[in-house]
PDB file of N, CA and C in Angstrom:
ATOM      1  N   MET A   1       0.753  -0.989  -0.077  1.00  0.00           N
ATOM      2  CA  MET A   1       0.094   0.145  -0.005  1.00  0.00           C
ATOM      3  C   MET A   1       0.916   1.385  -0.101  1.00  0.00           C
ATOM      4  N   PRO A   2       0.794   2.171  -0.867  1.00  0.00           N
ATOM      5  CA  PRO A   2       1.575   3.237  -0.880  1.00  0.00           C
ATOM      6  C   PRO A   2       1.083   4.237   0.408  1.00  0.00           C
ATOM      7  N   GLY A   3       2.139   5.001   0.810  1.00  0.00           N
ATOM      8  CA  GLY A   3       1.960   5.809   2.074  1.00  0.00           C
ATOM      9  C   GLY A   3       1.841   5.190   3.197  1.00  0.00           C
ATOM     10  N   LYS A   4       1.750   3.857   3.234  1.00  0.00           N
ATOM     11  CA  LYS A   4       1.848   3.056   4.453  1.00  0.00           C
ATOM     12  C   LYS A   4       3.133   2.792   4.910  1.00  0.00           C
ATOM     13  N   GLN A   5       3.306   3.301   6.166  1.00  0.00           N
ATOM     14  CA  GLN A   5       5.019   2.963   6.706  1.00  0.00           C
ATOM     15  C   GLN A   5       5.083   1.927   7.673  1.00  0.00           C
ATOM     16  N   ARG A   6       6.141   1.338   7.568  1.00  0.00           N
ATOM     17  CA  ARG A   6       6.349  -0.133   8.258  1.00  0.00           C
ATOM     18  C   ARG A   6       6.313   0.298   9.985  1.00  0.00           C
ATOM     19  N   PRO A   7       5.701  -0.792  10.738  1.00  0.00           N
ATOM     20  CA  PRO A   7       5.717  -0.446  12.245  1.00  0.00           C
ATOM     21  C   PRO A   7       6.683  -0.039  12.846  1.00  0.00           C
ATOM     22  N   TYR A   8       6.926   0.761  14.102  1.00  0.00           N
ATOM     23  CA  TYR A   8       7.893   0.780  14.827  1.00  0.00           C
ATOM     24  C   TYR A   8       8.165  -0.763  15.667  1.00  0.00           C
ATOM     25  N   ARG A   9       9.398  -0.893  15.712  1.00  0.00           N
ATOM     26  CA  ARG A   9       9.877  -2.190  16.144  1.00  0.00           C
ATOM     27  C   ARG A   9      10.342  -1.906  17.724  1.00  0.00           C
ATOM     28  N   VAL A  10       9.739  -2.889  18.652  1.00  0.00           N
ATOM     29  CA  VAL A  10       9.502  -2.261  20.066  1.00  0.00           C
ATOM     30  C   VAL A  10      10.682  -3.584  20.666  1.00  0.00           C
ATOM     31  N   LEU A  11      11.671  -2.541  21.537  1.00  0.00           N
ATOM     32  CA  LEU A  11      12.730  -3.482  22.217  1.00  0.00           C
ATOM     33  C   LEU A  11      12.586  -2.908  23.656  1.00  0.00           C
ATOM     34  N   TYR A  12      12.848  -4.109  24.847  1.00  0.00           N
ATOM     35  CA  TYR A  12      12.338  -3.799  26.045  1.00  0.00           C
ATOM     36  C   TYR A  12      13.895  -3.663  26.676  1.00  0.00           C
ATOM     37  N   HIS A  13      14.190  -2.913  27.807  1.00  0.00           N
ATOM     38  CA  HIS A  13      15.148  -2.893  28.510  1.00  0.00           C
ATOM     39  C   HIS A  13      15.241  -4.233  29.116  1.00  0.00           C
ATOM     40  N   PRO A  14      16.388  -4.804  29.558  1.00  0.00           N
ATOM     41  CA  PRO A  14      16.601  -6.301  30.204  1.00  0.00           C
ATOM     42  C   PRO A  14      15.496  -6.309  31.587  1.00  0.00           C
ATOM     43  N   LEU A  15      15.492  -4.959  32.180  1.00  0.00           N
ATOM     44  CA  LEU A  15      14.892  -5.196  33.585  1.00  0.00           C
ATOM     45  C   LEU A  15      13.520  -4.865  33.516  1.00  0.00           C
ATOM     46  N   VAL A  16      13.124  -4.595  32.463  1.00  0.00           N
ATOM     47  CA  VAL A  16      11.556  -4.536  32.095  1.00  0.00           C
ATOM     48  C   VAL A  16      11.060  -5.953  32.017  1.00  0.00           C
ATOM     49  N   VAL A  17      11.788  -6.863  31.539  1.00  0.00           N
ATOM     50  CA  VAL A  17      11.546  -8.193  31.358  1.00  0.00           C
ATOM     51  C   VAL A  17      11.759  -8.995  32.350  1.00  0.00           C
ATOM     52  N   ASP A  18      12.808  -8.781  33.197  1.00  0.00           N
ATOM     53  CA  ASP A  18      13.155  -9.575  34.260  1.00  0.00           C
ATOM     54  C   ASP A  18      12.284  -8.774  35.628  1.00  0.00           C
ATOM     55  N   ARG A  19      12.382  -7.778  35.707  1.00  0.00           N
ATOM     56  CA  ARG A  19      11.462  -7.381  37.072  1.00  0.00           C
ATOM     57  C   ARG A  19       9.983  -6.708  36.778  1.00  0.00           C
ATOM     58  N   ASP A  20       9.916  -5.705  35.760  1.00  0.00           N
ATOM     59  CA  ASP A  20       8.851  -5.194  35.458  1.00  0.00           C
ATOM     60  C   ASP A  20       7.524  -5.935  34.900  1.00  0.00           C
ATOM     61  N   ILE A  21       7.397  -6.691  34.034  1.00  0.00           N
ATOM     62  CA  ILE A  21       6.412  -7.343  33.413  1.00  0.00           C
ATOM     63  C   ILE A  21       6.055  -8.690  34.375  1.00  0.00           C
ATOM     64  N   PRO A  22       6.967  -9.333  35.296  1.00  0.00           N
ATOM     65  CA  PRO A  22       6.687 -10.273  36.274  1.00  0.00           C
ATOM     66  C   PRO A  22       5.615 -10.121  37.272  1.00  0.00           C
ATOM     67  N   VAL A  23       5.731  -8.774  37.654  1.00  0.00           N
ATOM     68  CA  VAL A  23       4.795  -8.121  38.726  1.00  0.00           C
ATOM     69  C   VAL A  23       3.779  -7.865  38.304  1.00  0.00           C
ATOM     70  N   LEU A  24       3.340  -7.491  37.115  1.00  0.00           N
ATOM     71  CA  LEU A  24       2.067  -6.887  36.539  1.00  0.00           C
ATOM     72  C   LEU A  24       1.175  -7.775  37.038  1.00  0.00           C
ATOM     73  N   PRO A  25      -0.225  -7.328  37.399  1.00  0.00           N
ATOM     74  CA  PRO A  25      -1.248  -7.983  37.642  1.00  0.00           C
ATOM     75  C   PRO A  25      -1.764  -8.455  36.152  1.00  0.00           C
ATOM     76  N   ALA A  26      -2.363  -9.717  35.915  1.00  0.00           N
ATOM     77  CA  ALA A  26      -2.714 -10.159  34.882  1.00  0.00           C
ATOM     78  C   ALA A  26      -3.559  -9.411  33.833  1.00  0.00           C
ATOM     79  N   LYS A  27      -4.663  -8.642  34.480  1.00  0.00           N
ATOM     80  CA  LYS A  27      -5.348  -7.725  33.611  1.00  0.00           C
ATOM     81  C   LYS A  27      -4.766  -6.724  33.023  1.00  0.00           C
ATOM     82  N   MET A  28      -3.611  -5.958  33.913  1.00  0.00           N
ATOM     83  CA  MET A  28      -3.018  -4.842  33.425  1.00  0.00           C
ATOM     84  C   MET A  28      -1.842  -5.240  32.572  1.00  0.00           C
ATOM     85  N   LYS A  29      -1.574  -6.331  32.584  1.00  0.00           N
ATOM     86  CA  LYS A  29      -0.506  -6.839  31.720  1.00  0.00           C
ATOM     87  C   LYS A  29      -0.951  -6.883  30.305  1.00  0.00           C
ATOM     88  N   ALA A  30      -2.195  -7.367  30.199  1.00  0.00           N
ATOM     89  CA  ALA A  30      -2.866  -7.589  29.016  1.00  0.00           C
ATOM     90  C   ALA A  30      -3.270  -6.194  28.291  1.00  0.00           C
ATOM     91  N   ARG A  31      -3.564  -5.107  29.160  1.00  0.00           N
ATOM     92  CA  ARG A  31      -4.045  -3.848  28.818  1.00  0.00           C
ATOM     93  C   ARG A  31      -2.519  -3.222  28.132  1.00  0.00           C
ATOM     94  N   ILE A  32      -1.699  -3.307  29.283  1.00  0.00           N
ATOM     95  CA  ILE A  32      -0.315  -2.438  28.403  1.00  0.00           C
ATOM     96  C   ILE A  32      -0.008  -3.264  27.522  1.00  0.00           C
ATOM     97  N   LYS A  33       0.042  -4.331  27.289  1.00  0.00           N
ATOM     98  CA  LYS A  33       0.361  -5.288  25.750  1.00  0.00           C
ATOM     99  C   LYS A  33      -0.379  -4.625  24.839  1.00  0.00           C
ATOM    100  N   LEU A  34      -1.585  -4.506  24.922  1.00  0.00           N
ATOM    101  CA  LEU A  34      -2.652  -4.093  23.830  1.00  0.00           C
ATOM    102  C   LEU A  34      -2.215  -2.493  23.553  1.00  0.00           C
ATOM    103  N   ALA A  35      -2.030  -1.893  24.820  1.00  0.00           N
ATOM    104  CA  ALA A  35      -1.671  -0.493  24.368  1.00  0.00           C
ATOM    105  C   ALA A  35      -0.305  -0.313  23.746  1.00  0.00           C
ATOM    106  N   ILE A  36       0.883  -0.870  23.819  1.00  0.00           N
ATOM    107  CA  ILE A  36       2.047  -0.887  23.229  1.00  0.00           C
ATOM    108  C   ILE A  36       1.653  -1.373  22.069  1.00  0.00           C
ATOM    109  N   GLU A  37       1.051  -2.534  21.649  1.00  0.00           N
ATOM    110  CA  GLU A  37       0.984  -2.941  20.085  1.00  0.00           C
ATOM    111  C   GLU A  37       0.157  -1.979  19.422  1.00  0.00           C
ATOM    112  N   GLN A  38      -0.968  -1.468  20.006  1.00  0.00           N
ATOM    113  CA  GLN A  38      -1.800  -0.559  19.144  1.00  0.00           C
ATOM    114  C   GLN A  38      -1.026   1.024  19.130  1.00  0.00           C
ATOM    115  N   ARG A  39      -0.475   1.548  20.131  1.00  0.00           N
ATOM    116  CA  ARG A  39      -0.194   2.932  20.021  1.00  0.00           C
ATOM    117  C   ARG A  39       1.388   3.091  20.014  1.00  0.00           C
ATOM    118  N   LEU A  40       2.042   2.277  20.563  1.00  0.00           N
ATOM    119  CA  LEU A  40       3.336   2.531  20.023  1.00  0.00           C
ATOM    120  C   LEU A  40       4.265   1.895  18.781  1.00  0.00           C
ATOM    121  N   THR A  41       3.756   1.006  18.301  1.00  0.00           N
ATOM    122  CA  THR A  41       4.373   0.548  16.966  1.00  0.00           C
ATOM    123  C   THR A  41       3.744   1.402  15.813  1.00  0.00           C
ATOM    124  N   THR A  42       2.537   2.151  15.971  1.00  0.00           N
ATOM    125  CA  THR A  42       1.995   2.733  14.891  1.00  0.00           C
ATOM    126  C   THR A  42       2.423   4.162  15.110  1.00  0.00           C
ATOM    127  N   GLN A  43       2.196   4.997  16.441  1.00  0.00           N
ATOM    128  CA  GLN A  43       2.552   6.475  16.250  1.00  0.00           C
ATOM    129  C   GLN A  43       3.074   6.841  17.608  1.00  0.00           C
ATOM    130  N   PRO A  44       4.076   6.068  17.975  1.00  0.00           N
ATOM    131  CA  PRO A  44       4.362   6.309  19.284  1.00  0.00           C
ATOM    132  C   PRO A  44       4.928   8.120  19.751  1.00  0.00           C
ATOM    133  N   GLN A  45       5.066   8.783  18.907  1.00  0.00           N
ATOM    134  CA  GLN A  45       4.940  10.170  19.229  1.00  0.00           C
ATOM    135  C   GLN A  45       3.888  11.209  19.267  1.00  0.00           C
ATOM    136  N   HIS A  46       2.867  10.327  18.674  1.00  0.00           N
ATOM    137  CA  HIS A  46       1.613  10.914  18.791  1.00  0.00           C
ATOM    138  C   HIS A  46       0.987  10.485  20.432  1.00  0.00           C
ATOM    139  N   TYR A  47       1.246   9.312  20.694  1.00  0.00           N
ATOM    140  CA  TYR A  47       0.182   8.772  21.799  1.00  0.00           C
ATOM    141  C   TYR A  47       1.110   9.276  23.312  1.00  0.00           C
ATOM    142  N   GLY A  48       2.305   9.223  22.969  1.00  0.00           N
ATOM    143  CA  GLY A  48       3.026   9.629  24.528  1.00  0.00           C
ATOM    144  C   GLY A  48       3.400  10.843  24.764  1.00  0.00           C
ATOM    145  N   LYS A  49       3.197  11.182  26.072  1.00  0.00           N
ATOM    146  CA  LYS A  49       3.609  12.541  26.258  1.00  0.00           C
ATOM    147  C   LYS A  49       4.999  13.005  26.675  1.00  0.00           C
ATOM    148  N   PRO A  50       5.623  13.922  26.327  1.00  0.00           N
ATOM    149  CA  PRO A  50       7.055  13.918  26.173  1.00  0.00           C
ATOM    150  C   PRO A  50       7.425  14.418  27.812  1.00  0.00           C
ATOM    151  N   LEU A  51       8.503  13.990  27.991  1.00  0.00           N
ATOM    152  CA  LEU A  51       8.928  14.149  29.622  1.00  0.00           C
ATOM    153  C   LEU A  51       9.944  15.249  29.566  1.00  0.00           C
ATOM    154  N   ARG A  52      10.293  16.125  30.845  1.00  0.00           N
ATOM    155  CA  ARG A  52      11.300  16.992  30.727  1.00  0.00           C
ATOM    156  C   ARG A  52      12.309  16.983  31.664  1.00  0.00           C
ATOM    157  N   TYR A  53      13.256  17.953  31.632  1.00  0.00           N
ATOM    158  CA  TYR A  53      14.347  17.895  32.638  1.00  0.00           C
ATOM    159  C   TYR A  53      15.167  16.828  32.302  1.00  0.00           C
ATOM    160  N   SER A  54      15.836  15.994  33.716  1.00  0.00           N
ATOM    161  CA  SER A  54      16.393  15.099  33.187  1.00  0.00           C
ATOM    162  C   SER A  54      15.929  13.853  32.281  1.00  0.00           C
ATOM    163  N   LEU A  55      14.693  13.731  32.017  1.00  0.00           N
ATOM    164  CA  LEU A  55      14.062  12.842  31.262  1.00  0.00           C
ATOM    165  C   LEU A  55      13.790  13.193  29.679  1.00  0.00           C
ATOM    166  N   LYS A  56      14.232  14.287  29.561  1.00  0.00           N
ATOM    167  CA  LYS A  56      14.389  14.830  27.939  1.00  0.00           C
ATOM    168  C   LYS A  56      14.617  14.116  27.210  1.00  0.00           C
ATOM    169  N   GLY A  57      13.975  13.638  26.161  1.00  0.00           N
ATOM    170  CA  GLY A  57      14.014  12.857  24.865  1.00  0.00           C
ATOM    171  C   GLY A  57      13.276  11.389  25.042  1.00  0.00           C
ATOM    172  N   HIS A  58      12.858  11.458  26.275  1.00  0.00           N
ATOM    173  CA  HIS A  58      11.824  10.262  26.756  1.00  0.00           C
ATOM    174  C   HIS A  58      10.408  10.710  26.711  1.00  0.00           C
ATOM    175  N   ARG A  59       9.479   9.717  26.689  1.00  0.00           N
ATOM    176  CA  ARG A  59       8.068   9.992  26.506  1.00  0.00           C
ATOM    177  C   ARG A  59       7.338   8.760  27.595  1.00  0.00           C
ATOM    178  N   ARG A  60       6.224   8.991  27.985  1.00  0.00           N
ATOM    179  CA  ARG A  60       5.777   8.130  28.551  1.00  0.00           C
ATOM    180  C   ARG A  60       4.219   7.884  28.108  1.00  0.00           C
ATOM    181  N   LEU A  61       3.577   6.750  28.462  1.00  0.00           N
ATOM    182  CA  LEU A  61       2.362   6.373  28.048  1.00  0.00           C
ATOM    183  C   LEU A  61       1.352   6.200  29.133  1.00  0.00           C
ATOM    184  N   ARG A  62       0.417   6.455  29.405  1.00  0.00           N
ATOM    185  CA  ARG A  62      -0.204   6.125  30.723  1.00  0.00           C
ATOM    186  C   ARG A  62      -1.188   5.448  30.452  1.00  0.00           C
ATOM    187  N   VAL A  63      -1.415   3.867  31.080  1.00  0.00           N
ATOM    188  CA  VAL A  63      -2.279   3.043  30.942  1.00  0.00           C
ATOM    189  C   VAL A  63      -3.163   2.791  32.463  1.00  0.00           C
ATOM    190  N   GLY A  64      -4.065   3.236  32.857  1.00  0.00           N
ATOM    191  CA  GLY A  64      -4.618   3.147  33.902  1.00  0.00           C
ATOM    192  C   GLY A  64      -3.593   3.839  34.984  1.00  0.00           C
ATOM    193  N   ASP A  65      -3.404   3.375  36.213  1.00  0.00           N
ATOM    194  CA  ASP A  65      -2.356   3.838  37.139  1.00  0.00           C
ATOM    195  C   ASP A  65      -0.808   3.540  36.837  1.00  0.00           C
ATOM    196  N   TRP A  66      -0.797   2.913  35.429  1.00  0.00           N
ATOM    197  CA  TRP A  66       0.684   2.289  35.106  1.00  0.00           C
ATOM    198  C   TRP A  66       1.236   3.531  34.171  1.00  0.00           C
ATOM    199  N   ARG A  67       2.737   3.346  34.284  1.00  0.00           N
ATOM    200  CA  ARG A  67       3.219   3.900  32.936  1.00  0.00           C
ATOM    201  C   ARG A  67       4.257   3.226  32.379  1.00  0.00           C
ATOM    202  N   VAL A  68       4.316   3.711  31.235  1.00  0.00           N
ATOM    203  CA  VAL A  68       5.588   2.968  30.155  1.00  0.00           C
ATOM    204  C   VAL A  68       6.161   4.131  29.306  1.00  0.00           C
ATOM    205  N   VAL A  69       7.391   4.058  30.152  1.00  0.00           N
ATOM    206  CA  VAL A  69       8.598   5.215  30.017  1.00  0.00           C
ATOM    207  C   VAL A  69       9.300   4.471  28.564  1.00  0.00           C
ATOM    208  N   TYR A  70       9.528   5.416  27.468  1.00  0.00           N
ATOM    209  CA  TYR A  70      10.054   4.914  26.450  1.00  0.00           C
ATOM    210  C   TYR A  70      10.893   5.833  25.763  1.00  0.00           C
ATOM    211  N   ARG A  71      11.595   5.623  24.847  1.00  0.00           N
ATOM    212  CA  ARG A  71      12.316   6.621  23.850  1.00  0.00           C
ATOM    213  C   ARG A  71      12.405   6.040  22.511  1.00  0.00           C
ATOM    214  N   ILE A  72      12.292   6.933  21.749  1.00  0.00           N
ATOM    215  CA  ILE A  72      11.834   6.874  20.086  1.00  0.00           C
ATOM    216  C   ILE A  72      13.161   6.808  19.353  1.00  0.00           C
ATOM    217  N   VAL A  73      13.484   6.061  18.751  1.00  0.00           N
ATOM    218  CA  VAL A  73      14.562   6.037  17.662  1.00  0.00           C
ATOM    219  C   VAL A  73      14.556   6.152  16.216  1.00  0.00           C
ATOM    220  N   ALA A  74      13.967   7.304  15.884  1.00  0.00           N
ATOM    221  CA  ALA A  74      13.210   7.518  14.623  1.00  0.00           C
ATOM    222  C   ALA A  74      13.967   6.913  13.369  1.00  0.00           C
ATOM    223  N   ARG A  75      15.271   7.276  13.423  1.00  0.00           N
ATOM    224  CA  ARG A  75      15.807   6.678  12.072  1.00  0.00           C
ATOM    225  C   ARG A  75      15.999   5.085  12.155  1.00  0.00           C
ATOM    226  N   ASP A  76      15.712   4.620  13.168  1.00  0.00           N
ATOM    227  CA  ASP A  76      15.581   2.864  12.975  1.00  0.00           C
ATOM    228  C   ASP A  76      14.145   2.666  12.917  1.00  0.00           C
ATOM    229  N   ARG A  77      13.113   3.396  13.223  1.00  0.00           N
ATOM    230  CA  ARG A  77      11.685   3.047  13.515  1.00  0.00           C
ATOM    231  C   ARG A  77      11.783   2.255  14.839  1.00  0.00           C
ATOM    232  N   MET A  78      12.362   2.685  15.787  1.00  0.00           N
ATOM    233  CA  MET A  78      12.481   1.540  16.843  1.00  0.00           C
ATOM    234  C   MET A  78      12.030   2.466  18.306  1.00  0.00           C
ATOM    235  N   VAL A  79      11.225   1.546  19.319  1.00  0.00           N
ATOM    236  CA  VAL A  79      10.879   2.151  20.566  1.00  0.00           C
ATOM    237  C   VAL A  79      11.765   1.489  21.340  1.00  0.00           C
ATOM    238  N   ILE A  80      12.137   2.077  22.459  1.00  0.00           N
ATOM    239  CA  ILE A  80      12.982   1.291  23.449  1.00  0.00           C
ATOM    240  C   ILE A  80      12.259   1.477  24.848  1.00  0.00           C
ATOM    241  N   ILE A  81      11.738   0.853  25.350  1.00  0.00           N
ATOM    242  CA  ILE A  81      10.830   0.888  26.766  1.00  0.00           C
ATOM    243  C   ILE A  81      11.783   0.738  27.908  1.00  0.00           C
ATOM    244  N   LEU A  82      11.878   1.398  28.533  1.00  0.00           N
ATOM    245  CA  LEU A  82      12.821   1.604  29.744  1.00  0.00           C
ATOM    246  C   LEU A  82      12.117   0.983  30.995  1.00  0.00           C
ATOM    247  N   VAL A  83      10.882   1.562  31.031  1.00  0.00           N
ATOM    248  CA  VAL A  83      10.183   1.172  32.451  1.00  0.00           C
ATOM    249  C   VAL A  83       8.350   0.807  32.125  1.00  0.00           C
ATOM    250  N   ILE A  84       8.370  -0.227  32.918  1.00  0.00           N
ATOM    251  CA  ILE A  84       6.698  -0.456  33.112  1.00  0.00           C
ATOM    252  C   ILE A  84       6.701  -0.499  34.499  1.00  0.00           C
ATOM    253  N   CYS A  85       6.028   0.630  34.999  1.00  0.00           N
ATOM    254  CA  CYS A  85       5.821   0.533  36.559  1.00  0.00           C
ATOM    255  C   CYS A  85       4.682   1.545  36.702  1.00  0.00           C
ATOM    256  N   HIS A  86       4.254   1.139  37.980  1.00  0.00           N
ATOM    257  CA  HIS A  86       3.270   1.869  38.928  1.00  0.00           C
ATOM    258  C   HIS A  86       3.488   3.518  38.946  1.00  0.00           C
ATOM    259  N   ARG A  87       2.640   4.288  38.833  1.00  0.00           N
ATOM    260  CA  ARG A  87       2.804   5.776  38.745  1.00  0.00           C
ATOM    261  C   ARG A  87       3.547   6.424  40.212  1.00  0.00           C
ATOM    262  N   LYS A  88       3.397   5.669  41.182  1.00  0.00           N
ATOM    263  CA  LYS A  88       4.088   6.130  42.041  1.00  0.00           C
ATOM    264  C   LYS A  88       5.435   6.040  42.167  1.00  0.00           C
ATOM    265  N   GLU A  89       5.934   4.884  41.496  1.00  0.00           N
ATOM    266  CA  GLU A  89       7.393   4.315  41.540  1.00  0.00           C
ATOM    267  C   GLU A  89       8.192   4.955  40.062  1.00  0.00           C
ATOM    268  N   VAL A  90       7.474   5.236  39.357  1.00  0.00           N
ATOM    269  CA  VAL A  90       8.107   5.471  37.829  1.00  0.00           C
ATOM    270  C   VAL A  90       9.176   5.932  37.626  1.00  0.00           C
ATOM    271  N   TYR A  91       8.881   7.294  38.221  1.00  0.00           N
ATOM    272  CA  TYR A  91      10.090   8.280  37.751  1.00  0.00           C
ATOM    273  C   TYR A  91      11.473   7.940  38.486  1.00  0.00           C
ATOM    274  N   SER A  92      11.325   7.348  39.950  1.00  0.00           N
ATOM    275  CA  SER A  92      12.561   7.060  40.458  1.00  0.00           C
ATOM    276  C   SER A  92      13.301   5.737  39.790  1.00  0.00           C
ATOM    277  N   THR A  93      12.254   4.943  39.286  1.00  0.00           N
ATOM    278  CA  THR A  93      12.757   3.795  38.477  1.00  0.00           C
ATOM    279  C   THR A  93      13.539   3.937  37.250  1.00  0.00           C
ATOM    280  N   VAL A  94      12.783   5.004  36.343  1.00  0.00           N
ATOM    281  CA  VAL A  94      13.411   5.325  35.048  1.00  0.00           C
ATOM    282  C   VAL A  94      14.764   5.884  35.235  1.00  0.00           C
ATOM    283  N   VAL A  95      14.954   6.940  36.320  1.00  0.00           N
ATOM    284  CA  VAL A  95      15.858   7.495  36.513  1.00  0.00           C
ATOM    285  C   VAL A  95      17.299   6.400  36.782  1.00  0.00           C
ATOM    286  N   SER A  96      16.896   5.536  37.673  1.00  0.00           N
ATOM    287  CA  SER A  96      17.985   4.579  38.098  1.00  0.00           C
ATOM    288  C   SER A  96      18.415   3.765  36.675  1.00  0.00           C
ATOM    289  N   ARG A  97      17.710   3.661  35.686  1.00  0.00           N
ATOM    290  CA  ARG A  97      18.043   2.787  34.545  1.00  0.00           C
ATOM    291  C   ARG A  97      18.530   3.557  33.586  1.00  0.00           C
ATOM    292  N   LEU A  98      18.622   4.996  33.895  1.00  0.00           N
ATOM    293  CA  LEU A  98      19.458   5.589  32.743  1.00  0.00           C
ATOM    294  C   LEU A  98      20.903   5.488  32.854  1.00  0.00           C
ATOM    295  N   PRO A  99      21.248   5.795  31.672  1.00  0.00           N
ATOM    296  CA  PRO A  99      23.005   5.555  31.753  1.00  0.00           C
ATOM    297  C   PRO A  99      23.678   6.971  32.450  1.00  0.00           C
ATOM    298  N   ARG A 100      24.811   6.670  33.287  1.00  0.00           N
ATOM    299  CA  ARG A 100      25.180   7.650  34.243  1.00  0.00           C
ATOM    300  C   ARG A 100      26.229   8.605  33.286  1.00  0.00           C
ATOM    301  N   ASP A 101      26.176   9.735  33.228  1.00  0.00           N
ATOM    302  CA  ASP A 101      27.382  10.635  32.625  1.00  0.00           C
ATOM    303  C   ASP A 101      28.468  10.428  33.092  1.00  0.00           C
TER     304      ASP A 101
END
């Protein structure tokens, strides 16, 4: 189809796979998976809210009381998910996963 772009590829930080996903409630896990598949693979810049300050360049997707923090690598059509966490813990968790300067 002309004009239709290929979907964004989604990559997960290793700690998302090891720590975040296993502790998600089953219903929320399904909702978050659906949100990632429907939103972040198609238009991640449209659905996510840009973050500021030390998290500039990252975005967050709200799914109920849970947050998905990600970064878009536009040239590679890739979304890197850094954190899937409850809103109370998300910002302290994401800061701990960012590379130190």
